[in-house]
Amino acid sequence: MVHRRRRFAVGSLVAAIAAGLTFAVVGLVDGDADRGDQASTTSAALTPQLPELLEPAPILPADIGGEPVPDPQVLAGVLAPELSDPRLGGRVNGQVVDVATGGVLFEQSAGRAVVPASMAKLATAMAVEIAVEPGRRLTTTVVSGPNPGEVVLVGGGDPTLSSAPGGNVYPGAATLADLAAQVTAAVGVPVTAVIVDSSLFAGPATGPGWGEADAPSRYAAPITATMVDAGRFGPLDDGPRSGVPDLDAGRALAAALGVPDAAVSAGTARPGERLLGEVSSAAVERLVEQMLSLSDNVLAEALARQVALAVGRPATFDGAAAAVRSTLERAGFELSGAVLVDGSGLSTANRLSPGLISEILRTAAGDPQSPGRALLAGLPVAAYDGTLFERFGASPAGGVVRAKTGTLNGVSALAGIVETADGRLLVFAFVADQVPLGGRFPAEAALDELASALAACGCH
């Protein structure tokens, strides 16, 4: 059998676009050195250069599983020097699994529950695909207020709502311009005040184990049900985010209505008030893709709360974490020793095992009828997009590896799918949780080399 090496960065991207999937555009890269995985933006995000649309080919071949399986002993020998790289700090927990059979080809402390950093977003993504109705959109509304001239902005948990008519970093985002146009046509009197209703979410606005500098920051904001541009001060702003994103969303609406000096306050819409306008996000599957590609902490927390609402739990940090866990357990995932306290992985209190992460990835990459297809589509492509845009460099694994990154102080992680030199599809999950202080970028380079070794391996 002749095996054709499939490079995700070109052929699969074309196929995915033709299939209606969305990817983060080139120019969105990992940028925060200390907490989480933060995507920064450049002007390239506004003018992506896409390949010519061709007749799509399957992202995964129909004959998957016919290629040679790596020999576990040979594979262990290939990985050994990479795993002992001092840049990884002396302890790497990981697993490699064959997608077609589910057979474990390599493991090293794979059952140890460790701080997963942003790899926790994979658990959130899988729970969303299991629990939340496909095609669901998050709707932001404006209703009439208690007095003439007052309007109430009611948050539906959509942080992607854009302050700019042309959108923001989230493809398919609803816009305040659209919402304001509807309100202007319906309200009948000049708007004098905007009341912001964020009651869909409850509890603390920052998560257990978050540091004092985490929200607001470049990579996170307090989590509220009403937000614009995920708490940014503009559609492509890359500075610190708002500390009061709900009230700033109200101010943005007032500006879009042409009354920037209107009073803005927090409150609750009264039942039965007249609907003045509504806009909706992209479908939740697309939000999952965007969350993973950008490693977007705010979007991850908003999606975790959608899981909570779907299963009847409170839309709080505790409720969302419990909902994600119970959803995965009901689906048959093994969470022994796991601890979840948020949906983004920003908290240092989270604990997940590489074995669980690889099980989630194998489910997503395996049976096409299983949940996880948006998860698979949202994984960044090595040396091409998302948080892997500036990684892997000239490595031949560029375009072959698709993986989720994870970064916290002392933790560097990488988990995803890779095709071997013989065309065999594997999933892998590696977490180095004793990375030396200040060693983030060397650890990332070492993990990239580890994934590259997998891609180059025939190992039989």
Protein backbone atom coordinates (compact mmCIF):
# COMPACT_ATOMS: atom_id res chain seq x y z
CA MET A 1 0.00 0.00 0.00
CA VAL A 2 1.30 3.48 -0.86
CA HIS A 3 0.71 6.03 1.87
CA ARG A 4 0.34 9.72 1.02
CA ARG A 5 1.45 12.09 3.77
CA ARG A 6 -1.46 14.43 4.57
CA ARG A 7 -0.47 17.94 5.58
CA PHE A 8 -3.26 19.49 7.62
CA ALA A 9 -2.14 23.03 6.89
CA VAL A 10 -3.08 22.95 3.21
CA GLY A 11 -5.29 20.11 2.07
CA SER A 12 -7.30 19.80 5.25
CA LEU A 13 -7.78 23.54 5.55
CA VAL A 14 -9.32 23.70 2.09
CA ALA A 15 -11.54 20.73 2.85
CA ALA A 16 -12.62 22.19 6.16
CA ILE A 17 -13.50 25.56 4.66
CA ALA A 18 -15.54 23.85 1.97
CA ALA A 19 -17.31 21.83 4.67
CA GLY A 20 -18.32 25.00 6.47
CA LEU A 21 -15.79 24.85 9.29
CA THR A 22 -14.06 28.02 10.50
CA PHE A 23 -10.46 28.42 11.52
CA ALA A 24 -8.68 31.27 13.25
CA VAL A 25 -6.93 33.36 10.64
CA VAL A 26 -3.18 33.55 10.28
CA GLY A 27 -1.75 36.22 12.53
CA LEU A 28 -3.24 35.02 15.82
CA VAL A 29 -0.41 33.73 17.97
CA ASP A 30 0.40 32.72 21.51
CA GLY A 31 1.68 35.79 23.31
CA ASP A 32 1.58 35.64 27.13
CA ALA A 33 4.69 34.55 28.95
CA ASP A 34 3.28 33.75 32.36
CA ARG A 35 -0.39 32.81 32.49
CA GLY A 36 -2.45 30.71 30.08
CA ASP A 37 -2.23 30.84 26.30
CA GLN A 38 -3.07 34.29 24.98
CA ALA A 39 -3.54 35.05 21.30
CA SER A 40 -2.30 38.44 20.16
CA THR A 41 -3.40 40.02 16.91
CA THR A 42 -1.82 41.72 13.96
CA SER A 43 -3.16 43.48 10.91
CA ALA A 44 -2.92 40.13 9.11
CA ALA A 45 -6.07 39.13 10.95
CA LEU A 46 -8.01 41.63 8.83
CA THR A 47 -6.72 40.43 5.45
CA PRO A 48 -6.19 36.66 5.55
CA GLN A 49 -4.85 35.11 2.37
CA LEU A 50 -6.79 31.92 1.75
CA PRO A 51 -5.96 29.26 -0.83
CA GLU A 52 -8.09 28.81 -3.91
CA LEU A 53 -11.12 26.65 -3.18
CA LEU A 54 -10.74 23.24 -4.78
CA GLU A 55 -12.83 20.11 -4.78
CA PRO A 56 -12.59 19.03 -1.11
CA ALA A 57 -10.96 15.79 -0.09
CA PRO A 58 -11.73 14.08 3.22
CA ILE A 59 -9.83 15.52 6.18
CA LEU A 60 -9.27 11.97 7.38
CA PRO A 61 -8.95 9.14 4.86
CA ALA A 62 -11.59 6.44 4.57
CA ASP A 63 -8.95 3.73 4.94
CA ILE A 64 -7.57 5.01 8.23
CA GLY A 65 -6.09 2.18 10.23
CA GLY A 66 -4.52 0.31 7.32
CA GLU A 67 -1.07 1.80 7.84
CA PRO A 68 1.73 0.14 9.83
CA VAL A 69 1.38 0.50 13.61
CA PRO A 70 4.47 1.82 15.43
CA ASP A 71 6.20 -0.77 17.56
CA PRO A 72 5.89 0.36 21.22
CA GLN A 73 9.48 -0.58 22.08
CA VAL A 74 10.91 1.23 19.08
CA LEU A 75 8.69 4.23 19.77
CA ALA A 76 9.82 4.36 23.40
CA GLY A 77 13.43 4.40 22.23
CA VAL A 78 12.76 7.27 19.85
CA LEU A 79 10.96 9.32 22.50
CA ALA A 80 13.38 8.64 25.38
CA PRO A 81 15.97 11.31 24.55
CA GLU A 82 13.27 13.89 23.87
CA LEU A 83 11.51 13.16 27.16
CA SER A 84 14.77 13.50 29.12
CA ASP A 85 15.49 16.93 27.65
CA PRO A 86 16.48 19.16 30.61
CA ARG A 87 14.43 22.01 29.17
CA LEU A 88 11.35 20.05 30.27
CA GLY A 89 12.41 20.17 33.90
CA GLY A 90 12.87 16.52 34.73
CA ARG A 91 9.27 15.31 34.78
CA VAL A 92 7.10 14.69 31.75
CA ASN A 93 3.76 12.91 32.00
CA GLY A 94 2.38 11.59 28.76
CA GLN A 95 0.70 9.05 26.54
CA VAL A 96 0.55 8.10 22.86
CA VAL A 97 -2.50 6.20 21.56
CA ASP A 98 -3.32 4.68 18.18
CA VAL A 99 -6.53 6.28 16.88
CA ALA A 100 -7.80 3.30 14.90
CA THR A 101 -7.49 0.68 17.64
CA GLY A 102 -7.30 2.69 20.85
CA GLY A 103 -4.15 0.79 21.74
CA VAL A 104 -1.70 2.54 24.06
CA LEU A 105 1.67 2.69 22.28
CA PHE A 106 3.53 4.66 24.95
CA GLU A 107 2.84 6.02 28.40
CA GLN A 108 4.80 7.67 31.15
CA SER A 109 2.84 8.47 34.32
CA ALA A 110 -0.21 8.87 32.07
CA GLY A 111 -2.60 8.36 34.97
CA ARG A 112 -1.05 11.08 37.12
CA ALA A 113 -3.43 14.01 37.59
CA VAL A 114 -1.39 17.16 37.00
CA VAL A 115 -2.00 20.85 36.38
CA PRO A 116 -3.21 20.81 32.75
CA ALA A 117 -3.04 24.56 32.05
CA SER A 118 -5.00 25.33 28.88
CA MET A 119 -5.33 21.68 27.93
CA ALA A 120 -8.34 21.84 30.27
CA LYS A 121 -10.08 23.57 27.36
CA LEU A 122 -10.20 20.18 25.63
CA ALA A 123 -12.40 18.86 28.45
CA THR A 124 -14.61 21.94 28.16
CA ALA A 125 -14.85 21.57 24.39
CA MET A 126 -15.85 17.91 24.57
CA ALA A 127 -18.48 18.65 27.23
CA VAL A 128 -19.95 21.42 25.07
CA GLU A 129 -20.23 19.07 22.10
CA ILE A 130 -21.94 16.44 24.23
CA ALA A 131 -24.31 18.61 26.26
CA VAL A 132 -25.16 21.69 24.19
CA GLU A 133 -27.54 21.37 21.27
CA PRO A 134 -25.68 21.57 17.93
CA GLY A 135 -26.29 24.83 16.12
CA ARG A 136 -27.18 26.70 19.29
CA ARG A 137 -26.39 30.42 19.16
CA LEU A 138 -25.91 32.76 22.10
CA THR A 139 -28.35 35.65 21.84
CA THR A 140 -27.94 39.18 23.18
CA THR A 141 -31.14 41.24 23.39
CA VAL A 142 -32.26 44.76 24.17
CA VAL A 143 -35.66 45.29 25.77
CA SER A 144 -37.50 48.38 26.93
CA GLY A 145 -36.64 49.72 30.36
CA PRO A 146 -38.85 50.72 33.28
CA ASN A 147 -39.02 54.38 32.18
CA PRO A 148 -39.29 56.14 28.80
CA GLY A 149 -35.87 56.48 27.17
CA GLU A 150 -34.38 53.60 29.15
CA VAL A 151 -33.30 50.38 27.46
CA VAL A 152 -31.99 47.16 29.00
CA LEU A 153 -29.10 45.27 27.42
CA VAL A 154 -29.62 41.61 28.36
CA GLY A 155 -26.53 39.42 28.09
CA GLY A 156 -26.91 35.92 26.74
CA GLY A 157 -23.40 34.79 27.60
CA ASP A 158 -21.86 35.76 24.24
CA PRO A 159 -18.41 37.34 24.75
CA THR A 160 -17.78 37.49 20.98
CA LEU A 161 -20.27 40.35 20.34
CA SER A 162 -18.33 42.92 18.29
CA SER A 163 -18.09 46.66 18.85
CA ALA A 164 -17.13 47.15 15.19
CA PRO A 165 -19.47 46.70 12.21
CA GLY A 166 -16.78 44.68 10.47
CA GLY A 167 -16.46 42.17 13.30
CA ASN A 168 -13.53 41.26 15.51
CA VAL A 169 -11.21 38.29 16.06
CA TYR A 170 -14.18 35.91 16.17
CA PRO A 171 -15.46 34.98 12.68
CA GLY A 172 -19.22 35.23 12.43
CA ALA A 173 -19.62 37.42 15.51
CA ALA A 174 -22.76 39.50 15.97
CA THR A 175 -22.28 43.27 16.01
CA LEU A 176 -23.45 46.11 18.21
CA ALA A 177 -24.06 48.11 15.05
CA ASP A 178 -26.75 45.62 14.00
CA LEU A 179 -28.25 45.60 17.49
CA ALA A 180 -28.23 49.40 17.74
CA ALA A 181 -29.91 49.77 14.35
CA GLN A 182 -32.76 47.53 15.49
CA VAL A 183 -33.14 49.44 18.76
CA THR A 184 -33.12 52.83 17.04
CA ALA A 185 -35.89 51.72 14.72
CA ALA A 186 -37.99 50.26 17.53
CA VAL A 187 -37.53 52.46 20.59
CA GLY A 188 -39.49 55.51 19.38
CA VAL A 189 -37.92 58.02 21.81
CA PRO A 190 -34.34 59.21 22.41
CA VAL A 191 -32.34 56.81 24.59
CA THR A 192 -31.24 58.43 27.83
CA ALA A 193 -30.02 55.42 29.82
CA VAL A 194 -28.74 51.87 29.31
CA ILE A 195 -29.31 49.26 32.00
CA VAL A 196 -27.15 46.14 31.76
CA ASP A 197 -28.66 42.81 32.81
CA SER A 198 -26.02 40.10 33.33
CA SER A 199 -28.14 37.91 35.57
CA LEU A 200 -27.74 34.84 33.33
CA PHE A 201 -24.41 34.21 35.07
CA ALA A 202 -24.02 34.23 38.85
CA GLY A 203 -21.35 33.92 41.51
CA PRO A 204 -17.80 35.30 41.52
CA ALA A 205 -16.53 36.80 38.26
CA THR A 206 -13.06 35.28 38.63
CA GLY A 207 -12.22 31.64 39.15
CA PRO A 208 -10.83 29.67 42.11
CA GLY A 209 -7.05 29.64 41.88
CA TRP A 210 -6.85 32.65 39.57
CA GLY A 211 -4.13 35.10 40.49
CA GLU A 212 -4.85 38.71 41.37
CA ALA A 213 -3.31 39.81 38.07
CA ASP A 214 -5.29 37.37 35.93
CA ALA A 215 -8.46 39.41 35.48
CA PRO A 216 -8.34 41.95 34.07
CA SER A 217 -5.23 41.18 32.04
CA ARG A 218 -4.26 40.73 28.40
CA TYR A 219 -5.53 37.16 28.46
CA ALA A 220 -8.62 37.28 30.68
CA ALA A 221 -11.36 39.47 32.12
CA PRO A 222 -13.99 39.03 34.82
CA ILE A 223 -16.59 36.63 33.44
CA THR A 224 -19.99 38.23 32.97
CA ALA A 225 -22.98 37.31 30.81
CA THR A 226 -22.76 40.63 28.95
CA MET A 227 -19.52 41.40 27.12
CA VAL A 228 -18.24 43.04 23.97
CA ASP A 229 -15.06 41.87 22.22
CA ALA A 230 -14.47 39.45 25.16
CA GLY A 231 -13.79 42.41 27.43
CA ARG A 232 -11.32 44.10 25.11
CA PHE A 233 -11.31 47.86 24.60
CA GLY A 234 -11.86 47.48 20.87
CA PRO A 235 -12.24 44.66 18.35
CA LEU A 236 -8.50 44.02 17.94
CA ASP A 237 -7.12 45.59 21.11
CA ASP A 238 -4.29 43.56 22.64
CA GLY A 239 -3.85 45.45 25.91
CA PRO A 240 -5.29 44.77 29.34
CA ARG A 241 -9.02 44.05 29.26
CA SER A 242 -11.86 45.67 31.15
CA GLY A 243 -12.37 45.12 34.85
CA VAL A 244 -16.12 45.79 34.38
CA PRO A 245 -16.87 44.26 30.97
CA ASP A 246 -20.64 44.30 31.50
CA LEU A 247 -20.82 48.05 32.14
CA ASP A 248 -18.35 48.70 29.34
CA ALA A 249 -20.63 46.71 27.04
CA GLY A 250 -23.44 49.04 28.05
CA ARG A 251 -21.27 52.05 27.25
CA ALA A 252 -20.40 50.54 23.88
CA LEU A 253 -24.10 50.11 23.12
CA ALA A 254 -24.78 53.71 24.12
CA ALA A 255 -22.05 54.87 21.74
CA ALA A 256 -23.49 52.71 18.94
CA LEU A 257 -26.89 54.31 19.60
CA GLY A 258 -25.33 57.74 19.18
CA VAL A 259 -25.72 58.70 22.86
CA PRO A 260 -22.26 58.07 24.34
CA ASP A 261 -23.06 60.20 27.40
CA ALA A 262 -26.15 58.20 28.35
CA ALA A 263 -26.18 56.86 31.90
CA VAL A 264 -25.10 53.22 32.21
CA SER A 265 -25.90 51.05 35.23
CA ALA A 266 -26.39 47.42 36.24
CA GLY A 267 -29.91 46.07 36.72
CA THR A 268 -32.39 43.40 35.71
CA ALA A 269 -34.95 43.41 32.93
CA ARG A 270 -38.54 43.15 34.09
CA PRO A 271 -40.60 40.24 32.75
CA GLY A 272 -42.70 41.04 29.71
CA GLU A 273 -40.76 44.07 28.51
CA ARG A 274 -40.93 44.80 24.78
CA LEU A 275 -38.16 43.33 22.64
CA LEU A 276 -36.30 46.10 20.80
CA GLY A 277 -33.55 44.09 19.16
CA GLU A 278 -31.56 40.87 19.24
CA VAL A 279 -28.41 39.47 17.68
CA SER A 280 -26.84 36.02 17.90
CA SER A 281 -23.35 34.57 17.91
CA ALA A 282 -21.94 32.05 15.51
CA ALA A 283 -23.08 28.47 16.18
CA VAL A 284 -21.63 26.98 19.32
CA GLU A 285 -19.52 24.54 17.27
CA ARG A 286 -17.73 27.48 15.70
CA LEU A 287 -17.22 29.04 19.11
CA VAL A 288 -15.55 25.81 20.26
CA GLU A 289 -13.18 25.99 17.28
CA GLN A 290 -12.34 29.63 17.97
CA MET A 291 -11.84 28.98 21.68
CA LEU A 292 -9.33 26.20 21.02
CA SER A 293 -7.46 27.86 18.18
CA LEU A 294 -6.91 31.08 20.14
CA SER A 295 -6.74 29.35 23.54
CA ASP A 296 -9.29 31.96 24.55
CA ASN A 297 -9.83 31.95 28.31
CA VAL A 298 -12.90 34.20 28.32
CA LEU A 299 -14.66 32.24 25.59
CA ALA A 300 -13.81 28.97 27.37
CA GLU A 301 -15.48 30.16 30.57
CA ALA A 302 -18.56 31.36 28.67
CA LEU A 303 -18.86 27.98 26.94
CA ALA A 304 -18.43 26.08 30.22
CA ARG A 305 -21.40 28.01 31.57
CA GLN A 306 -23.44 26.93 28.56
CA VAL A 307 -22.77 23.34 29.64
CA ALA A 308 -24.03 24.23 33.11
CA LEU A 309 -27.21 25.77 31.71
CA ALA A 310 -27.76 22.77 29.43
CA VAL A 311 -27.67 20.28 32.32
CA GLY A 312 -29.57 22.42 34.82
CA ARG A 313 -26.74 23.62 37.02
CA PRO A 314 -26.04 27.21 38.11
CA ALA A 315 -24.07 29.27 35.58
CA THR A 316 -21.21 29.87 38.02
CA PHE A 317 -17.61 28.72 38.12
CA ASP A 318 -18.54 25.88 40.48
CA GLY A 319 -21.65 24.96 38.51
CA ALA A 320 -19.85 24.99 35.18
CA ALA A 321 -16.93 22.89 36.44
CA ALA A 322 -19.31 20.35 37.97
CA ALA A 323 -21.35 20.27 34.75
CA VAL A 324 -18.30 19.63 32.58
CA ARG A 325 -17.19 16.82 34.87
CA SER A 326 -20.60 15.13 35.11
CA THR A 327 -21.12 15.42 31.36
CA LEU A 328 -17.82 13.69 30.62
CA GLU A 329 -18.45 10.99 33.23
CA ARG A 330 -21.88 10.22 31.80
CA ALA A 331 -20.26 9.89 28.38
CA GLY A 332 -17.93 7.21 29.77
CA PHE A 333 -14.72 9.17 30.32
CA GLU A 334 -12.64 8.16 33.34
CA LEU A 335 -12.06 11.14 35.66
CA SER A 336 -10.53 9.42 38.69
CA GLY A 337 -8.26 11.91 40.43
CA ALA A 338 -9.41 14.77 38.20
CA VAL A 339 -10.14 18.20 39.66
CA LEU A 340 -11.92 20.88 37.64
CA VAL A 341 -12.57 24.37 39.01
CA ASP A 342 -12.81 26.41 35.81
CA GLY A 343 -13.35 25.93 32.08
CA SER A 344 -10.21 27.57 30.75
CA GLY A 345 -7.39 25.93 32.69
CA LEU A 346 -6.23 29.28 34.01
CA SER A 347 -6.52 28.02 37.60
CA THR A 348 -3.60 26.20 39.18
CA ALA A 349 -6.12 24.13 41.16
CA ASN A 350 -7.16 22.07 38.12
CA ARG A 351 -5.86 18.50 37.82
CA LEU A 352 -6.26 16.26 34.76
CA SER A 353 -4.29 13.23 33.61
CA PRO A 354 -2.63 12.90 30.19
CA GLY A 355 -4.58 9.65 29.87
CA LEU A 356 -7.89 11.52 30.06
CA ILE A 357 -6.71 14.13 27.57
CA SER A 358 -5.63 11.49 25.07
CA GLU A 359 -8.98 9.69 25.55
CA ILE A 360 -10.82 12.91 24.70
CA LEU A 361 -8.66 13.43 21.62
CA ARG A 362 -9.04 9.83 20.48
CA THR A 363 -12.82 10.13 20.75
CA ALA A 364 -12.75 13.31 18.67
CA ALA A 365 -10.48 11.80 16.00
CA GLY A 366 -12.09 8.37 15.89
CA ASP A 367 -15.67 7.43 15.02
CA PRO A 368 -17.19 10.24 12.88
CA GLN A 369 -20.47 9.75 14.76
CA SER A 370 -18.84 10.52 18.10
CA PRO A 371 -18.78 14.04 19.56
CA GLY A 372 -15.69 16.15 19.15
CA ARG A 373 -15.63 17.15 15.48
CA ALA A 374 -15.52 20.87 16.33
CA LEU A 375 -12.80 20.08 18.85
CA LEU A 376 -10.77 18.41 16.14
CA ALA A 377 -11.31 21.29 13.71
CA GLY A 378 -10.27 23.83 16.34
CA LEU A 379 -6.86 22.34 17.09
CA PRO A 380 -4.13 24.74 15.90
CA VAL A 381 -1.99 23.56 12.99
CA ALA A 382 1.76 23.47 13.63
CA ALA A 383 3.61 26.43 12.08
CA TYR A 384 0.38 27.65 10.52
CA ASP A 385 -2.31 29.12 12.77
CA GLY A 386 -3.64 29.81 16.25
CA THR A 387 -1.31 29.29 19.20
CA LEU A 388 1.06 27.22 17.01
CA PHE A 389 1.44 29.97 14.40
CA GLU A 390 4.96 30.85 15.52
CA ARG A 391 5.99 27.38 16.67
CA PHE A 392 7.64 24.41 14.96
CA GLY A 393 9.53 26.77 12.60
CA ALA A 394 11.18 24.80 9.82
CA SER A 395 10.29 21.44 11.37
CA PRO A 396 8.92 18.90 8.87
CA ALA A 397 6.09 18.42 11.39
CA GLY A 398 4.74 21.83 10.39
CA GLY A 399 1.29 21.24 8.93
CA VAL A 400 1.33 17.61 10.12
CA VAL A 401 0.80 18.12 13.85
CA ARG A 402 -2.44 19.63 15.18
CA ALA A 403 -2.33 20.29 18.90
CA LYS A 404 -3.60 22.25 21.88
CA THR A 405 -1.02 24.15 23.88
CA GLY A 406 -0.95 24.71 27.62
CA THR A 407 1.15 27.21 29.56
CA LEU A 408 1.27 28.29 33.19
CA ASN A 409 4.21 29.12 35.41
CA GLY A 410 6.08 25.81 35.75
CA VAL A 411 3.82 23.98 33.30
CA SER A 412 4.17 23.45 29.56
CA ALA A 413 1.88 21.06 27.72
CA LEU A 414 1.07 19.91 24.21
CA ALA A 415 -1.64 17.45 23.16
CA GLY A 416 -3.12 16.65 19.79
CA ILE A 417 -3.05 14.41 16.74
CA VAL A 418 -0.15 13.51 14.49
CA GLU A 419 0.40 11.39 11.43
CA THR A 420 3.51 9.21 11.44
CA ALA A 421 5.89 8.87 8.52
CA ASP A 422 3.90 5.78 7.49
CA GLY A 423 0.58 7.59 7.62
CA ARG A 424 -0.67 6.12 10.92
CA LEU A 425 -2.80 8.56 12.92
CA LEU A 426 -1.90 8.88 16.61
CA VAL A 427 -3.05 11.07 19.48
CA PHE A 428 -0.61 12.27 22.10
CA ALA A 429 -0.70 14.23 25.34
CA PHE A 430 2.43 15.47 27.14
CA VAL A 431 2.59 17.68 30.23
CA ALA A 432 5.87 18.89 31.72
CA ASP A 433 4.89 20.17 35.17
CA GLN A 434 8.29 21.02 36.65
CA VAL A 435 9.51 23.51 34.05
CA PRO A 436 12.22 25.78 35.50
CA LEU A 437 11.24 29.36 36.30
CA GLY A 438 11.50 31.46 33.18
CA GLY A 439 11.85 28.36 31.01
CA ARG A 440 8.61 28.61 29.08
CA PHE A 441 10.00 29.09 25.59
CA PRO A 442 12.77 26.47 25.85
CA ALA A 443 10.16 23.99 27.16
CA GLU A 444 7.86 24.76 24.24
CA ALA A 445 10.71 24.15 21.80
CA ALA A 446 11.42 20.81 23.48
CA LEU A 447 7.76 19.76 23.24
CA ASP A 448 7.72 20.74 19.57
CA GLU A 449 10.73 18.51 19.00
CA LEU A 450 8.96 15.70 20.85
CA ALA A 451 5.91 15.99 18.59
CA SER A 452 8.20 16.23 15.56
CA ALA A 453 9.87 12.98 16.57
CA LEU A 454 6.44 11.32 16.62
CA ALA A 455 5.67 12.69 13.16
CA ALA A 456 8.97 11.44 11.74
CA CYS A 457 8.67 8.00 13.29
CA GLY A 458 7.90 4.82 11.38
CA CYS A 459 8.99 3.00 14.53
CA HIS A 460 8.66 -0.59 13.40
